[in-house]
Amino acid sequence: MIGSLGALAWMFSDYDPCINNKECLRALSPIERKFGLTRYDGSLKAFGEGN
């Protein structure tokens, strides 16, 4: 359980592209900004639909 809430928060949704140039995200590789189960607009990605 320890750390699972942080992982869920980090991987639940993609980062909004409008914040890509923020200093706090510069350490992340671009691929890490798109780990989410949903897109930044809240729509589900194909693997998150459960089909």
N, C-alpha and C. Protein backbone atom coordinates (compact mmCIF):
# COMPACT_ATOMS: atom_id res chain seq x y z
N MET A 1 0.81 -1.19 0.00
CA MET A 1 0.00 0.00 0.00
C MET A 1 0.86 1.26 0.00
N ILE A 2 1.99 1.18 0.68
CA ILE A 2 2.83 2.38 0.78
C ILE A 2 3.31 2.77 -0.61
N GLY A 3 3.06 3.99 -0.97
CA GLY A 3 3.46 4.49 -2.28
C GLY A 3 2.43 4.29 -3.37
N SER A 4 1.43 3.48 -3.12
CA SER A 4 0.46 3.21 -4.19
C SER A 4 -0.39 4.43 -4.52
N LEU A 5 -0.71 5.24 -3.53
CA LEU A 5 -1.51 6.44 -3.81
C LEU A 5 -0.71 7.43 -4.65
N GLY A 6 0.57 7.55 -4.37
CA GLY A 6 1.42 8.43 -5.17
C GLY A 6 1.53 7.95 -6.60
N ALA A 7 1.67 6.65 -6.78
CA ALA A 7 1.75 6.09 -8.12
C ALA A 7 0.44 6.29 -8.87
N LEU A 8 -0.67 6.12 -8.19
CA LEU A 8 -1.97 6.33 -8.83
C LEU A 8 -2.12 7.79 -9.26
N ALA A 9 -1.76 8.70 -8.39
CA ALA A 9 -1.87 10.12 -8.73
C ALA A 9 -0.96 10.47 -9.90
N TRP A 10 0.23 9.89 -9.94
CA TRP A 10 1.19 10.20 -10.99
C TRP A 10 0.75 9.62 -12.33
N MET A 11 0.17 8.43 -12.30
CA MET A 11 -0.12 7.72 -13.54
C MET A 11 -1.58 7.76 -13.96
N PHE A 12 -2.45 8.42 -13.20
CA PHE A 12 -3.87 8.43 -13.53
C PHE A 12 -4.14 9.15 -14.84
N SER A 13 -3.57 10.32 -15.01
CA SER A 13 -3.86 11.13 -16.19
C SER A 13 -2.58 11.74 -16.75
N ASP A 14 -2.59 12.00 -18.03
CA ASP A 14 -1.46 12.67 -18.67
C ASP A 14 -1.38 14.11 -18.17
N TYR A 15 -0.18 14.67 -18.25
CA TYR A 15 -0.01 16.09 -17.94
C TYR A 15 -0.63 16.93 -19.04
N ASP A 16 -1.21 18.04 -18.68
CA ASP A 16 -1.74 18.98 -19.66
C ASP A 16 -0.57 19.58 -20.43
N PRO A 17 -0.57 19.53 -21.75
CA PRO A 17 0.55 20.04 -22.54
C PRO A 17 0.88 21.51 -22.28
N CYS A 18 -0.06 22.28 -21.77
CA CYS A 18 0.22 23.71 -21.54
C CYS A 18 1.24 23.92 -20.42
N ILE A 19 1.53 22.88 -19.62
CA ILE A 19 2.52 23.04 -18.55
C ILE A 19 3.85 22.37 -18.87
N ASN A 20 4.04 21.89 -20.08
CA ASN A 20 5.26 21.18 -20.45
C ASN A 20 6.54 21.99 -20.26
N ASN A 21 6.47 23.30 -20.34
CA ASN A 21 7.66 24.13 -20.22
C ASN A 21 7.91 24.61 -18.79
N LYS A 22 7.12 24.17 -17.85
CA LYS A 22 7.30 24.56 -16.45
C LYS A 22 8.60 23.94 -15.91
N GLU A 23 9.28 24.68 -15.08
CA GLU A 23 10.56 24.23 -14.54
C GLU A 23 10.44 22.91 -13.77
N CYS A 24 9.34 22.72 -13.05
CA CYS A 24 9.18 21.51 -12.26
C CYS A 24 9.09 20.24 -13.11
N LEU A 25 8.78 20.36 -14.40
CA LEU A 25 8.66 19.19 -15.28
C LEU A 25 9.91 18.95 -16.13
N ARG A 26 10.86 19.82 -16.08
CA ARG A 26 12.03 19.67 -16.94
C ARG A 26 12.81 18.39 -16.67
N ALA A 27 12.75 17.87 -15.45
CA ALA A 27 13.47 16.64 -15.12
C ALA A 27 12.79 15.41 -15.70
N LEU A 28 11.52 15.51 -16.04
CA LEU A 28 10.80 14.37 -16.60
C LEU A 28 11.10 14.23 -18.09
N SER A 29 11.27 13.01 -18.53
CA SER A 29 11.38 12.82 -19.96
C SER A 29 10.00 13.01 -20.57
N PRO A 30 9.91 13.38 -21.83
CA PRO A 30 8.60 13.59 -22.45
C PRO A 30 7.66 12.39 -22.34
N ILE A 31 8.20 11.18 -22.37
CA ILE A 31 7.34 9.99 -22.29
C ILE A 31 6.66 9.89 -20.93
N GLU A 32 7.32 10.38 -19.88
CA GLU A 32 6.74 10.30 -18.53
C GLU A 32 5.52 11.20 -18.38
N ARG A 33 5.37 12.14 -19.25
CA ARG A 33 4.22 13.05 -19.17
C ARG A 33 2.96 12.41 -19.76
N LYS A 34 3.11 11.21 -20.34
CA LYS A 34 1.97 10.54 -20.99
C LYS A 34 1.78 9.12 -20.48
N PHE A 35 2.06 8.88 -19.20
CA PHE A 35 1.89 7.56 -18.59
C PHE A 35 0.45 7.29 -18.19
N GLY A 36 -0.40 8.29 -18.23
CA GLY A 36 -1.74 8.18 -17.67
C GLY A 36 -2.66 7.18 -18.34
N LEU A 37 -3.66 6.77 -17.57
CA LEU A 37 -4.72 5.92 -18.12
C LEU A 37 -5.72 6.76 -18.91
N THR A 38 -5.73 8.06 -18.61
CA THR A 38 -6.60 8.98 -19.32
C THR A 38 -5.76 10.08 -19.95
N ARG A 39 -6.30 10.72 -20.97
CA ARG A 39 -5.64 11.88 -21.57
C ARG A 39 -5.85 13.08 -20.66
N TYR A 40 -5.12 14.14 -20.90
CA TYR A 40 -5.23 15.32 -20.04
C TYR A 40 -6.64 15.91 -20.03
N ASP A 41 -7.42 15.66 -21.09
CA ASP A 41 -8.79 16.18 -21.13
C ASP A 41 -9.80 15.28 -20.43
N GLY A 42 -9.33 14.15 -19.87
CA GLY A 42 -10.19 13.24 -19.13
C GLY A 42 -10.71 12.06 -19.93
N SER A 43 -10.49 12.05 -21.24
CA SER A 43 -10.96 10.93 -22.05
C SER A 43 -10.07 9.71 -21.83
N LEU A 44 -10.67 8.54 -21.85
CA LEU A 44 -9.93 7.30 -21.65
C LEU A 44 -9.07 6.95 -22.84
N LYS A 45 -7.90 6.41 -22.56
CA LYS A 45 -7.07 5.86 -23.63
C LYS A 45 -7.57 4.45 -23.92
N ALA A 46 -7.21 3.90 -25.04
CA ALA A 46 -7.71 2.58 -25.46
C ALA A 46 -7.47 1.50 -24.40
N PHE A 47 -6.31 1.48 -23.76
CA PHE A 47 -6.02 0.44 -22.78
C PHE A 47 -6.73 0.69 -21.46
N GLY A 48 -7.33 1.85 -21.26
CA GLY A 48 -8.06 2.13 -20.04
C GLY A 48 -9.55 1.92 -20.15
N GLU A 49 -10.01 1.47 -21.30
CA GLU A 49 -11.45 1.32 -21.51
C GLU A 49 -12.00 0.02 -20.96
N GLY A 50 -11.17 -0.97 -20.71
CA GLY A 50 -11.63 -2.21 -20.14
C GLY A 50 -12.29 -3.15 -21.13
N ASN A 51 -12.09 -2.95 -22.40
CA ASN A 51 -12.68 -3.83 -23.41
C ASN A 51 -11.82 -5.03 -23.64
